PDB file of N, CA and C in Angstrom:
ATOM      1  N   UNK A   1      69.095 -55.105  24.188  1.00  0.00           N
ATOM      2  CA  UNK A   1      68.742 -55.099  25.597  1.00  0.00           C
ATOM      3  C   UNK A   1      69.792 -54.405  26.462  1.00  0.00           C
ATOM      4  N   UNK A   2      70.790 -53.813  25.827  1.00  0.00           N
ATOM      5  CA  UNK A   2      71.830 -53.138  26.593  1.00  0.00           C
ATOM      6  C   UNK A   2      71.735 -51.635  26.369  1.00  0.00           C
ATOM      7  N   UNK A   3      72.154 -50.875  27.373  1.00  0.00           N
ATOM      8  CA  UNK A   3      72.137 -49.424  27.256  1.00  0.00           C
ATOM      9  C   UNK A   3      73.290 -48.967  26.373  1.00  0.00           C
ATOM     10  N   UNK A   4      73.036 -47.877  25.621  1.00  0.00           N
ATOM     11  CA  UNK A   4      74.084 -47.290  24.794  1.00  0.00           C
ATOM     12  C   UNK A   4      73.831 -45.795  24.677  1.00  0.00           C
ATOM     13  N   UNK A   5      74.826 -45.088  24.219  1.00  0.00           N
ATOM     14  CA  UNK A   5      74.708 -43.647  24.011  1.00  0.00           C
ATOM     15  C   UNK A   5      74.483 -43.400  22.528  1.00  0.00           C
ATOM     16  N   UNK A   6      73.650 -42.435  22.198  1.00  0.00           N
ATOM     17  CA  UNK A   6      73.382 -42.103  20.801  1.00  0.00           C
ATOM     18  C   UNK A   6      73.267 -40.598  20.654  1.00  0.00           C
ATOM     19  N   UNK A   7      73.778 -40.073  19.535  1.00  0.00           N
ATOM     20  CA  UNK A   7      73.705 -38.648  19.260  1.00  0.00           C
ATOM     21  C   UNK A   7      72.383 -38.282  18.614  1.00  0.00           C
ATOM     22  N   UNK A   8      72.224 -37.011  18.297  1.00  0.00           N
ATOM     23  CA  UNK A   8      70.975 -36.502  17.752  1.00  0.00           C
ATOM     24  C   UNK A   8      70.619 -37.032  16.371  1.00  0.00           C
ATOM     25  N   UNK A   9      71.607 -37.384  15.563  1.00  0.00           N
ATOM     26  CA  UNK A   9      71.334 -37.878  14.217  1.00  0.00           C
ATOM     27  C   UNK A   9      71.346 -39.397  14.146  1.00  0.00           C
ATOM     28  N   UNK A  10      71.194 -40.060  15.262  1.00  0.00           N
ATOM     29  CA  UNK A  10      71.217 -41.522  15.290  1.00  0.00           C
ATOM     30  C   UNK A  10      69.803 -42.069  15.167  1.00  0.00           C
ATOM     31  N   UNK A  11      69.661 -43.061  14.287  1.00  0.00           N
ATOM     32  CA  UNK A  11      68.380 -43.745  14.139  1.00  0.00           C
ATOM     33  C   UNK A  11      68.625 -45.202  14.494  1.00  0.00           C
ATOM     34  N   UNK A  12      67.845 -45.724  15.394  1.00  0.00           N
ATOM     35  CA  UNK A  12      67.940 -47.133  15.772  1.00  0.00           C
ATOM     36  C   UNK A  12      66.880 -47.885  14.988  1.00  0.00           C
ATOM     37  N   UNK A  13      67.345 -48.823  14.170  1.00  0.00           N
ATOM     38  CA  UNK A  13      66.419 -49.593  13.342  1.00  0.00           C
ATOM     39  C   UNK A  13      66.191 -50.952  13.975  1.00  0.00           C
ATOM     40  N   UNK A  14      64.959 -51.331  14.118  1.00  0.00           N
ATOM     41  CA  UNK A  14      64.623 -52.664  14.615  1.00  0.00           C
ATOM     42  C   UNK A  14      64.092 -53.465  13.435  1.00  0.00           C
ATOM     43  N   UNK A  15      64.724 -54.593  13.175  1.00  0.00           N
ATOM     44  CA  UNK A  15      64.331 -55.415  12.031  1.00  0.00           C
ATOM     45  C   UNK A  15      64.787 -56.848  12.269  1.00  0.00           C
ATOM     46  N   UNK A  16      64.366 -57.725  11.392  1.00  0.00           N
ATOM     47  CA  UNK A  16      64.738 -59.136  11.487  1.00  0.00           C
ATOM     48  C   UNK A  16      65.639 -59.542  10.330  1.00  0.00           C
ATOM     49  N   UNK A  17      66.444 -58.608   9.839  1.00  0.00           N
ATOM     50  CA  UNK A  17      67.339 -58.875   8.721  1.00  0.00           C
ATOM     51  C   UNK A  17      68.779 -58.977   9.239  1.00  0.00           C
ATOM     52  N   UNK A  18      69.701 -59.378   8.361  1.00  0.00           N
ATOM     53  CA  UNK A  18      71.117 -59.425   8.728  1.00  0.00           C
ATOM     54  C   UNK A  18      71.625 -57.981   8.812  1.00  0.00           C
ATOM     55  N   UNK A  19      72.056 -57.522   9.982  1.00  0.00           N
ATOM     56  CA  UNK A  19      72.461 -56.115  10.124  1.00  0.00           C
ATOM     57  C   UNK A  19      73.653 -55.739   9.246  1.00  0.00           C
ATOM     58  N   UNK A  20      74.561 -56.694   9.005  1.00  0.00           N
ATOM     59  CA  UNK A  20      75.705 -56.392   8.126  1.00  0.00           C
ATOM     60  C   UNK A  20      75.207 -56.138   6.706  1.00  0.00           C
ATOM     61  N   UNK A  21      74.265 -56.962   6.242  1.00  0.00           N
ATOM     62  CA  UNK A  21      73.705 -56.785   4.902  1.00  0.00           C
ATOM     63  C   UNK A  21      73.007 -55.428   4.802  1.00  0.00           C
ATOM     64  N   UNK A  22      72.195 -55.093   5.799  1.00  0.00           N
ATOM     65  CA  UNK A  22      71.477 -53.816   5.788  1.00  0.00           C
ATOM     66  C   UNK A  22      72.475 -52.662   5.730  1.00  0.00           C
ATOM     67  N   UNK A  23      73.545 -52.762   6.497  1.00  0.00           N
ATOM     68  CA  UNK A  23      74.573 -51.722   6.491  1.00  0.00           C
ATOM     69  C   UNK A  23      75.193 -51.565   5.108  1.00  0.00           C
ATOM     70  N   UNK A  24      75.555 -52.687   4.491  1.00  0.00           N
ATOM     71  CA  UNK A  24      76.123 -52.627   3.138  1.00  0.00           C
ATOM     72  C   UNK A  24      75.098 -52.082   2.141  1.00  0.00           C
ATOM     73  N   UNK A  25      73.859 -52.559   2.218  1.00  0.00           N
ATOM     74  CA  UNK A  25      72.831 -52.136   1.265  1.00  0.00           C
ATOM     75  C   UNK A  25      72.555 -50.637   1.373  1.00  0.00           C
ATOM     76  N   UNK A  26      72.567 -50.110   2.590  1.00  0.00           N
ATOM     77  CA  UNK A  26      72.312 -48.680   2.783  1.00  0.00           C
ATOM     78  C   UNK A  26      73.524 -47.817   2.423  1.00  0.00           C
ATOM     79  N   UNK A  27      74.663 -48.469   2.172  1.00  0.00           N
ATOM     80  CA  UNK A  27      75.872 -47.745   1.769  1.00  0.00           C
ATOM     81  C   UNK A  27      76.037 -47.678   0.261  1.00  0.00           C
ATOM     82  N   UNK A  28      75.156 -48.341  -0.485  1.00  0.00           N
ATOM     83  CA  UNK A  28      75.290 -48.351  -1.942  1.00  0.00           C
ATOM     84  C   UNK A  28      75.015 -46.969  -2.517  1.00  0.00           C
ATOM     85  N   UNK A  29      75.502 -46.757  -3.719  1.00  0.00           N
ATOM     86  CA  UNK A  29      75.285 -45.489  -4.414  1.00  0.00           C
ATOM     87  C   UNK A  29      73.794 -45.223  -4.586  1.00  0.00           C
ATOM     88  N   UNK A  30      73.052 -46.269  -4.928  1.00  0.00           N
ATOM     89  CA  UNK A  30      71.605 -46.108  -5.136  1.00  0.00           C
ATOM     90  C   UNK A  30      70.899 -45.684  -3.841  1.00  0.00           C
ATOM     91  N   UNK A  31      71.222 -46.350  -2.741  1.00  0.00           N
ATOM     92  CA  UNK A  31      70.590 -46.007  -1.463  1.00  0.00           C
ATOM     93  C   UNK A  31      70.983 -44.597  -1.030  1.00  0.00           C
ATOM     94  N   UNK A  32      72.244 -44.233  -1.244  1.00  0.00           N
ATOM     95  CA  UNK A  32      72.698 -42.890  -0.876  1.00  0.00           C
ATOM     96  C   UNK A  32      71.980 -41.827  -1.712  1.00  0.00           C
ATOM     97  N   UNK A  33      71.751 -42.128  -3.000  1.00  0.00           N
ATOM     98  CA  UNK A  33      71.030 -41.185  -3.859  1.00  0.00           C
ATOM     99  C   UNK A  33      69.592 -41.018  -3.370  1.00  0.00           C
ATOM    100  N   UNK A  34      68.977 -42.139  -2.967  1.00  0.00           N
ATOM    101  CA  UNK A  34      67.607 -42.058  -2.440  1.00  0.00           C
ATOM    102  C   UNK A  34      67.585 -41.237  -1.154  1.00  0.00           C
ATOM    103  N   UNK A  35      68.597 -41.430  -0.315  1.00  0.00           N
ATOM    104  CA  UNK A  35      68.672 -40.702   0.951  1.00  0.00           C
ATOM    105  C   UNK A  35      68.865 -39.206   0.709  1.00  0.00           C
ATOM    106  N   UNK A  36      69.634 -38.866  -0.325  1.00  0.00           N
ATOM    107  CA  UNK A  36      69.954 -37.462  -0.608  1.00  0.00           C
ATOM    108  C   UNK A  36      68.876 -36.737  -1.400  1.00  0.00           C
ATOM    109  N   UNK A  37      67.891 -37.487  -1.912  1.00  0.00           N
ATOM    110  CA  UNK A  37      66.836 -36.876  -2.733  1.00  0.00           C
ATOM    111  C   UNK A  37      66.138 -35.767  -1.954  1.00  0.00           C
ATOM    112  N   UNK A  38      66.077 -34.613  -2.579  1.00  0.00           N
ATOM    113  CA  UNK A  38      65.352 -33.509  -1.968  1.00  0.00           C
ATOM    114  C   UNK A  38      66.133 -32.747  -0.916  1.00  0.00           C
ATOM    115  N   UNK A  39      67.407 -33.077  -0.724  1.00  0.00           N
ATOM    116  CA  UNK A  39      68.163 -32.351   0.303  1.00  0.00           C
ATOM    117  C   UNK A  39      68.487 -30.943  -0.166  1.00  0.00           C
ATOM    118  N   UNK A  40      68.614 -30.072   0.769  1.00  0.00           N
ATOM    119  CA  UNK A  40      68.986 -28.698   0.487  1.00  0.00           C
ATOM    120  C   UNK A  40      70.505 -28.655   0.386  1.00  0.00           C
ATOM    121  N   UNK A  41      71.044 -27.668  -0.303  1.00  0.00           N
ATOM    122  CA  UNK A  41      72.488 -27.579  -0.508  1.00  0.00           C
ATOM    123  C   UNK A  41      73.230 -27.624   0.825  1.00  0.00           C
ATOM    124  N   UNK A  42      73.599 -28.801   1.214  1.00  0.00           N
ATOM    125  CA  UNK A  42      74.293 -29.008   2.480  1.00  0.00           C
ATOM    126  C   UNK A  42      75.208 -30.200   2.322  1.00  0.00           C
ATOM    127  N   UNK A  43      76.341 -30.170   2.963  1.00  0.00           N
ATOM    128  CA  UNK A  43      77.269 -31.291   2.868  1.00  0.00           C
ATOM    129  C   UNK A  43      76.835 -32.448   3.752  1.00  0.00           C
ATOM    130  N   UNK A  44      76.089 -32.146   4.795  1.00  0.00           N
ATOM    131  CA  UNK A  44      75.619 -33.180   5.711  1.00  0.00           C
ATOM    132  C   UNK A  44      74.159 -33.452   5.417  1.00  0.00           C
ATOM    133  N   UNK A  45      73.841 -34.735   5.207  1.00  0.00           N
ATOM    134  CA  UNK A  45      72.455 -35.105   4.938  1.00  0.00           C
ATOM    135  C   UNK A  45      71.810 -35.540   6.241  1.00  0.00           C
ATOM    136  N   UNK A  46      70.807 -34.812   6.682  1.00  0.00           N
ATOM    137  CA  UNK A  46      70.057 -35.168   7.873  1.00  0.00           C
ATOM    138  C   UNK A  46      68.779 -35.861   7.406  1.00  0.00           C
ATOM    139  N   UNK A  47      68.626 -37.113   7.783  1.00  0.00           N
ATOM    140  CA  UNK A  47      67.461 -37.868   7.335  1.00  0.00           C
ATOM    141  C   UNK A  47      66.514 -38.112   8.493  1.00  0.00           C
ATOM    142  N   UNK A  48      65.250 -38.000   8.188  1.00  0.00           N
ATOM    143  CA  UNK A  48      64.234 -38.309   9.190  1.00  0.00           C
ATOM    144  C   UNK A  48      63.873 -39.786   9.065  1.00  0.00           C
ATOM    145  N   UNK A  49      63.240 -40.318  10.087  1.00  0.00           N
ATOM    146  CA  UNK A  49      62.807 -41.713  10.050  1.00  0.00           C
ATOM    147  C   UNK A  49      61.838 -41.942   8.888  1.00  0.00           C
ATOM    148  N   UNK A  50      60.861 -41.065   8.653  1.00  0.00           N
ATOM    149  CA  UNK A  50      59.982 -41.285   7.499  1.00  0.00           C
ATOM    150  C   UNK A  50      60.754 -41.325   6.172  1.00  0.00           C
ATOM    151  N   UNK A  51      61.781 -40.460   6.027  1.00  0.00           N
ATOM    152  CA  UNK A  51      62.573 -40.457   4.794  1.00  0.00           C
ATOM    153  C   UNK A  51      63.361 -41.759   4.656  1.00  0.00           C
ATOM    154  N   UNK A  52      63.897 -42.258   5.762  1.00  0.00           N
ATOM    155  CA  UNK A  52      64.646 -43.518   5.719  1.00  0.00           C
ATOM    156  C   UNK A  52      63.735 -44.687   5.363  1.00  0.00           C
ATOM    157  N   UNK A  53      62.499 -44.629   5.798  1.00  0.00           N
ATOM    158  CA  UNK A  53      61.546 -45.704   5.494  1.00  0.00           C
ATOM    159  C   UNK A  53      61.239 -45.787   3.998  1.00  0.00           C
ATOM    160  N   UNK A  54      61.490 -44.714   3.276  1.00  0.00           N
ATOM    161  CA  UNK A  54      61.197 -44.667   1.844  1.00  0.00           C
ATOM    162  C   UNK A  54      62.326 -45.257   0.992  1.00  0.00           C
ATOM    163  N   UNK A  55      63.494 -45.504   1.575  1.00  0.00           N
ATOM    164  CA  UNK A  55      64.614 -46.058   0.812  1.00  0.00           C
ATOM    165  C   UNK A  55      64.300 -47.504   0.442  1.00  0.00           C
ATOM    166  N   UNK A  56      64.443 -47.813  -0.829  1.00  0.00           N
ATOM    167  CA  UNK A  56      64.167 -49.159  -1.329  1.00  0.00           C
ATOM    168  C   UNK A  56      65.488 -49.870  -1.587  1.00  0.00           C
ATOM    169  N   UNK A  57      65.667 -51.037  -0.950  1.00  0.00           N
ATOM    170  CA  UNK A  57      66.863 -51.859  -1.163  1.00  0.00           C
ATOM    171  C   UNK A  57      66.415 -53.280  -1.477  1.00  0.00           C
ATOM    172  N   UNK A  58      67.251 -54.036  -2.213  1.00  0.00           N
ATOM    173  CA  UNK A  58      66.905 -55.438  -2.447  1.00  0.00           C
ATOM    174  C   UNK A  58      66.953 -56.194  -1.126  1.00  0.00           C
ATOM    175  N   UNK A  59      66.027 -57.097  -0.914  1.00  0.00           N
ATOM    176  CA  UNK A  59      65.951 -57.826   0.345  1.00  0.00           C
ATOM    177  C   UNK A  59      65.805 -59.329   0.079  1.00  0.00           C
ATOM    178  N   UNK A  60      66.948 -59.986  -0.178  1.00  0.00           N
ATOM    179  CA  UNK A  60      66.898 -61.436  -0.397  1.00  0.00           C
ATOM    180  C   UNK A  60      66.648 -62.181   0.915  1.00  0.00           C
ATOM    181  N   UNK A  61      66.631 -63.494   0.864  1.00  0.00           N
ATOM    182  CA  UNK A  61      66.424 -64.301   2.069  1.00  0.00           C
ATOM    183  C   UNK A  61      67.551 -64.025   3.069  1.00  0.00           C
ATOM    184  N   UNK A  62      67.303 -64.352   4.325  1.00  0.00           N
ATOM    185  CA  UNK A  62      68.335 -64.166   5.356  1.00  0.00           C
ATOM    186  C   UNK A  62      69.606 -64.936   5.021  1.00  0.00           C
ATOM    187  N   UNK A  63      69.446 -66.147   4.491  1.00  0.00           N
ATOM    188  CA  UNK A  63      70.611 -66.952   4.112  1.00  0.00           C
ATOM    189  C   UNK A  63      71.432 -66.248   3.039  1.00  0.00           C
ATOM    190  N   UNK A  64      70.764 -65.691   2.044  1.00  0.00           N
ATOM    191  CA  UNK A  64      71.462 -64.971   0.968  1.00  0.00           C
ATOM    192  C   UNK A  64      72.057 -63.667   1.496  1.00  0.00           C
ATOM    193  N   UNK A  65      71.359 -62.996   2.400  1.00  0.00           N
ATOM    194  CA  UNK A  65      71.906 -61.781   3.012  1.00  0.00           C
ATOM    195  C   UNK A  65      73.216 -62.093   3.717  1.00  0.00           C
ATOM    196  N   UNK A  66      73.251 -63.191   4.471  1.00  0.00           N
ATOM    197  CA  UNK A  66      74.461 -63.588   5.198  1.00  0.00           C
ATOM    198  C   UNK A  66      75.585 -63.907   4.221  1.00  0.00           C
ATOM    199  N   UNK A  67      75.263 -64.615   3.146  1.00  0.00           N
ATOM    200  CA  UNK A  67      76.275 -64.978   2.150  1.00  0.00           C
ATOM    201  C   UNK A  67      76.868 -63.718   1.515  1.00  0.00           C
ATOM    202  N   UNK A  68      76.011 -62.781   1.142  1.00  0.00           N
ATOM    203  CA  UNK A  68      76.480 -61.530   0.538  1.00  0.00           C
ATOM    204  C   UNK A  68      77.323 -60.738   1.532  1.00  0.00           C
ATOM    205  N   UNK A  69      76.862 -60.627   2.776  1.00  0.00           N
ATOM    206  CA  UNK A  69      77.604 -59.881   3.799  1.00  0.00           C
ATOM    207  C   UNK A  69      78.966 -60.529   4.065  1.00  0.00           C
ATOM    208  N   UNK A  70      79.023 -61.861   4.085  1.00  0.00           N
ATOM    209  CA  UNK A  70      80.303 -62.557   4.284  1.00  0.00           C
ATOM    210  C   UNK A  70      81.282 -62.229   3.163  1.00  0.00           C
ATOM    211  N   UNK A  71      80.791 -62.247   1.909  1.00  0.00           N
ATOM    212  CA  UNK A  71      81.644 -61.927   0.758  1.00  0.00           C
ATOM    213  C   UNK A  71      82.162 -60.496   0.871  1.00  0.00           C
ATOM    214  N   UNK A  72      81.273 -59.569   1.188  1.00  0.00           N
ATOM    215  CA  UNK A  72      81.678 -58.166   1.296  1.00  0.00           C
ATOM    216  C   UNK A  72      82.621 -57.940   2.479  1.00  0.00           C
ATOM    217  N   UNK A  73      82.403 -58.652   3.589  1.00  0.00           N
ATOM    218  CA  UNK A  73      83.329 -58.564   4.728  1.00  0.00           C
ATOM    219  C   UNK A  73      84.724 -59.022   4.315  1.00  0.00           C
ATOM    220  N   UNK A  74      84.791 -60.156   3.604  1.00  0.00           N
ATOM    221  CA  UNK A  74      86.092 -60.673   3.153  1.00  0.00           C
ATOM    222  C   UNK A  74      86.765 -59.706   2.199  1.00  0.00           C
ATOM    223  N   UNK A  75      86.002 -59.158   1.261  1.00  0.00           N
ATOM    224  CA  UNK A  75      86.559 -58.200   0.311  1.00  0.00           C
ATOM    225  C   UNK A  75      87.046 -56.946   1.033  1.00  0.00           C
ATOM    226  N   UNK A  76      86.255 -56.478   1.992  1.00  0.00           N
ATOM    227  CA  UNK A  76      86.651 -55.298   2.774  1.00  0.00           C
ATOM    228  C   UNK A  76      87.964 -55.563   3.512  1.00  0.00           C
ATOM    229  N   UNK A  77      88.086 -56.749   4.087  1.00  0.00           N
ATOM    230  CA  UNK A  77      89.314 -57.093   4.799  1.00  0.00           C
ATOM    231  C   UNK A  77      90.504 -57.123   3.845  1.00  0.00           C
ATOM    232  N   UNK A  78      90.321 -57.710   2.667  1.00  0.00           N
ATOM    233  CA  UNK A  78      91.413 -57.751   1.687  1.00  0.00           C
ATOM    234  C   UNK A  78      91.845 -56.353   1.275  1.00  0.00           C
ATOM    235  N   UNK A  79      90.881 -55.445   1.150  1.00  0.00           N
ATOM    236  CA  UNK A  79      91.194 -54.093   0.695  1.00  0.00           C
ATOM    237  C   UNK A  79      91.753 -53.196   1.797  1.00  0.00           C
ATOM    238  N   UNK A  80      91.419 -53.484   3.051  1.00  0.00           N
ATOM    239  CA  UNK A  80      91.751 -52.536   4.110  1.00  0.00           C
ATOM    240  C   UNK A  80      92.690 -53.064   5.190  1.00  0.00           C
ATOM    241  N   UNK A  81      92.904 -54.368   5.236  1.00  0.00           N
ATOM    242  CA  UNK A  81      93.793 -54.936   6.256  1.00  0.00           C
ATOM    243  C   UNK A  81      95.138 -55.222   5.611  1.00  0.00           C
ATOM    244  N   UNK A  82      96.134 -54.443   5.984  1.00  0.00           N
ATOM    245  CA  UNK A  82      97.443 -54.532   5.345  1.00  0.00           C
ATOM    246  C   UNK A  82      98.075 -55.924   5.500  1.00  0.00           C
ATOM    247  N   UNK A  83      97.817 -56.599   6.615  1.00  0.00           N
ATOM    248  CA  UNK A  83      98.430 -57.918   6.817  1.00  0.00           C
ATOM    249  C   UNK A  83      97.742 -59.003   5.992  1.00  0.00           C
ATOM    250  N   UNK A  84      96.508 -58.748   5.541  1.00  0.00           N
ATOM    251  CA  UNK A  84      95.792 -59.712   4.704  1.00  0.00           C
ATOM    252  C   UNK A  84      95.864 -59.303   3.242  1.00  0.00           C
ATOM    253  N   UNK A  85      95.599 -58.037   2.980  1.00  0.00           N
ATOM    254  CA  UNK A  85      95.474 -57.554   1.608  1.00  0.00           C
ATOM    255  C   UNK A  85      96.746 -57.596   0.803  1.00  0.00           C
ATOM    256  N   UNK A  86      97.850 -57.125   1.374  1.00  0.00           N
ATOM    257  CA  UNK A  86      99.103 -57.077   0.616  1.00  0.00           C
ATOM    258  C   UNK A  86      99.600 -58.472   0.252  1.00  0.00           C
ATOM    259  N   UNK A  87      99.652 -59.437   1.187  1.00  0.00           N
ATOM    260  CA  UNK A  87     100.075 -60.782   0.774  1.00  0.00           C
ATOM    261  C   UNK A  87      99.154 -61.388  -0.287  1.00  0.00           C
ATOM    262  N   UNK A  88      97.858 -61.151  -0.186  1.00  0.00           N
ATOM    263  CA  UNK A  88      96.925 -61.677  -1.183  1.00  0.00           C
ATOM    264  C   UNK A  88      97.170 -61.025  -2.537  1.00  0.00           C
ATOM    265  N   UNK A  89      97.427 -59.731  -2.542  1.00  0.00           N
ATOM    266  CA  UNK A  89      97.704 -59.012  -3.789  1.00  0.00           C
ATOM    267  C   UNK A  89      99.019 -59.502  -4.408  1.00  0.00           C
ATOM    268  N   UNK A  90     100.035 -59.702  -3.576  1.00  0.00           N
ATOM    269  CA  UNK A  90     101.318 -60.206  -4.085  1.00  0.00           C
ATOM    270  C   UNK A  90     101.130 -61.595  -4.694  1.00  0.00           C
ATOM    271  N   UNK A  91     100.379 -62.441  -4.028  1.00  0.00           N
ATOM    272  CA  UNK A  91     100.126 -63.787  -4.550  1.00  0.00           C
ATOM    273  C   UNK A  91      99.380 -63.719  -5.885  1.00  0.00           C
ATOM    274  N   UNK A  92      98.395 -62.857  -5.978  1.00  0.00           N
ATOM    275  CA  UNK A  92      97.633 -62.715  -7.218  1.00  0.00           C
ATOM    276  C   UNK A  92      98.511 -62.205  -8.351  1.00  0.00           C
ATOM    277  N   UNK A  93      99.343 -61.209  -8.073  1.00  0.00           N
ATOM    278  CA  UNK A  93     100.235 -60.659  -9.103  1.00  0.00           C
ATOM    279  C   UNK A  93     101.282 -61.702  -9.518  1.00  0.00           C
ATOM    280  N   UNK A  94     101.757 -62.515  -8.572  1.00  0.00           N
ATOM    281  CA  UNK A  94     102.714 -63.571  -8.893  1.00  0.00           C
ATOM    282  C   UNK A  94     102.086 -64.578  -9.844  1.00  0.00           C
ATOM    283  N   UNK A  95     100.855 -64.992  -9.558  1.00  0.00           N
ATOM    284  CA  UNK A  95     100.154 -65.925 -10.442  1.00  0.00           C
ATOM    285  C   UNK A  95      99.921 -65.297 -11.812  1.00  0.00           C
ATOM    286  N   UNK A  96      99.573 -64.012 -11.833  1.00  0.00           N
ATOM    287  CA  UNK A  96      99.367 -63.318 -13.097  1.00  0.00           C
ATOM    288  C   UNK A  96     100.672 -63.273 -13.899  1.00  0.00           C
ATOM    289  N   UNK A  97     101.756 -62.946 -13.236  1.00  0.00           N
ATOM    290  CA  UNK A  97     103.072 -62.909 -13.884  1.00  0.00           C
ATOM    291  C   UNK A  97     103.416 -64.271 -14.468  1.00  0.00           C
ATOM    292  N   UNK A  98     103.239 -65.331 -13.676  1.00  0.00           N
ATOM    293  CA  UNK A  98     103.571 -66.680 -14.144  1.00  0.00           C
ATOM    294  C   UNK A  98     102.721 -67.069 -15.342  1.00  0.00           C
ATOM    295  N   UNK A  99     101.435 -66.697 -15.294  1.00  0.00           N
ATOM    296  CA  UNK A  99     100.532 -67.013 -16.404  1.00  0.00           C
ATOM    297  C   UNK A  99     101.023 -66.352 -17.689  1.00  0.00           C
ATOM    298  N   UNK A 100     101.286 -65.033 -17.643  1.00  0.00           N
ATOM    299  CA  UNK A 100     101.717 -64.322 -18.851  1.00  0.00           C
ATOM    300  C   UNK A 100     103.124 -64.724 -19.276  1.00  0.00           C
ATOM    301  N   UNK A 101     103.995 -65.008 -18.334  1.00  0.00           N
ATOM    302  CA  UNK A 101     105.334 -65.495 -18.672  1.00  0.00           C
ATOM    303  C   UNK A 101     105.229 -66.779 -19.474  1.00  0.00           C
ATOM    304  N   UNK A 102     104.416 -67.723 -18.960  1.00  0.00           N
ATOM    305  CA  UNK A 102     104.255 -69.001 -19.645  1.00  0.00           C
ATOM    306  C   UNK A 102     103.611 -68.827 -21.016  1.00  0.00           C
ATOM    307  N   UNK A 103     102.647 -67.912 -21.126  1.00  0.00           N
ATOM    308  CA  UNK A 103     102.003 -67.637 -22.427  1.00  0.00           C
ATOM    309  C   UNK A 103     103.001 -67.059 -23.424  1.00  0.00           C
ATOM    310  N   UNK A 104     103.808 -66.129 -22.972  1.00  0.00           N
ATOM    311  CA  UNK A 104     104.785 -65.493 -23.858  1.00  0.00           C
ATOM    312  C   UNK A 104     105.896 -66.437 -24.298  1.00  0.00           C
ATOM    313  N   UNK A 105     106.224 -67.376 -23.451  1.00  0.00           N
ATOM    314  CA  UNK A 105     107.344 -68.272 -23.753  1.00  0.00           C
ATOM    315  C   UNK A 105     106.903 -69.624 -24.286  1.00  0.00           C
ATOM    316  N   UNK A 106     105.622 -69.766 -24.626  1.00  0.00           N
ATOM    317  CA  UNK A 106     105.141 -70.998 -25.218  1.00  0.00           C
ATOM    318  C   UNK A 106     104.957 -70.752 -26.714  1.00  0.00           C
ATOM    319  N   UNK A 107     105.725 -71.488 -27.518  1.00  0.00           N
ATOM    320  CA  UNK A 107     105.682 -71.288 -28.978  1.00  0.00           C
ATOM    321  C   UNK A 107     104.964 -72.432 -29.648  1.00  0.00           C
TER     322      UNK A 107
END
């Protein structure tokens, strides 16, 4: 219900699904391959609304969509947020080190 600016290659999708899930699903390798099907040798893929309507993605319940999107959001944050990802990685490597240390030194 709010005004926004959009460029020529922008498609506004109206749906009743979790938008984060739809975004992740349309970013998958499979969805990208479907989007690129039939494109002419070009680095930029221009998709029409009819072509986008042909992309097939799994569509679980809204509750499951939210759960999947939450998991992917958390994973994305771990991978891309230096203040979250690095401490988590250090903690994981520390636990891994302790596990193998204990295994090696247990006779």
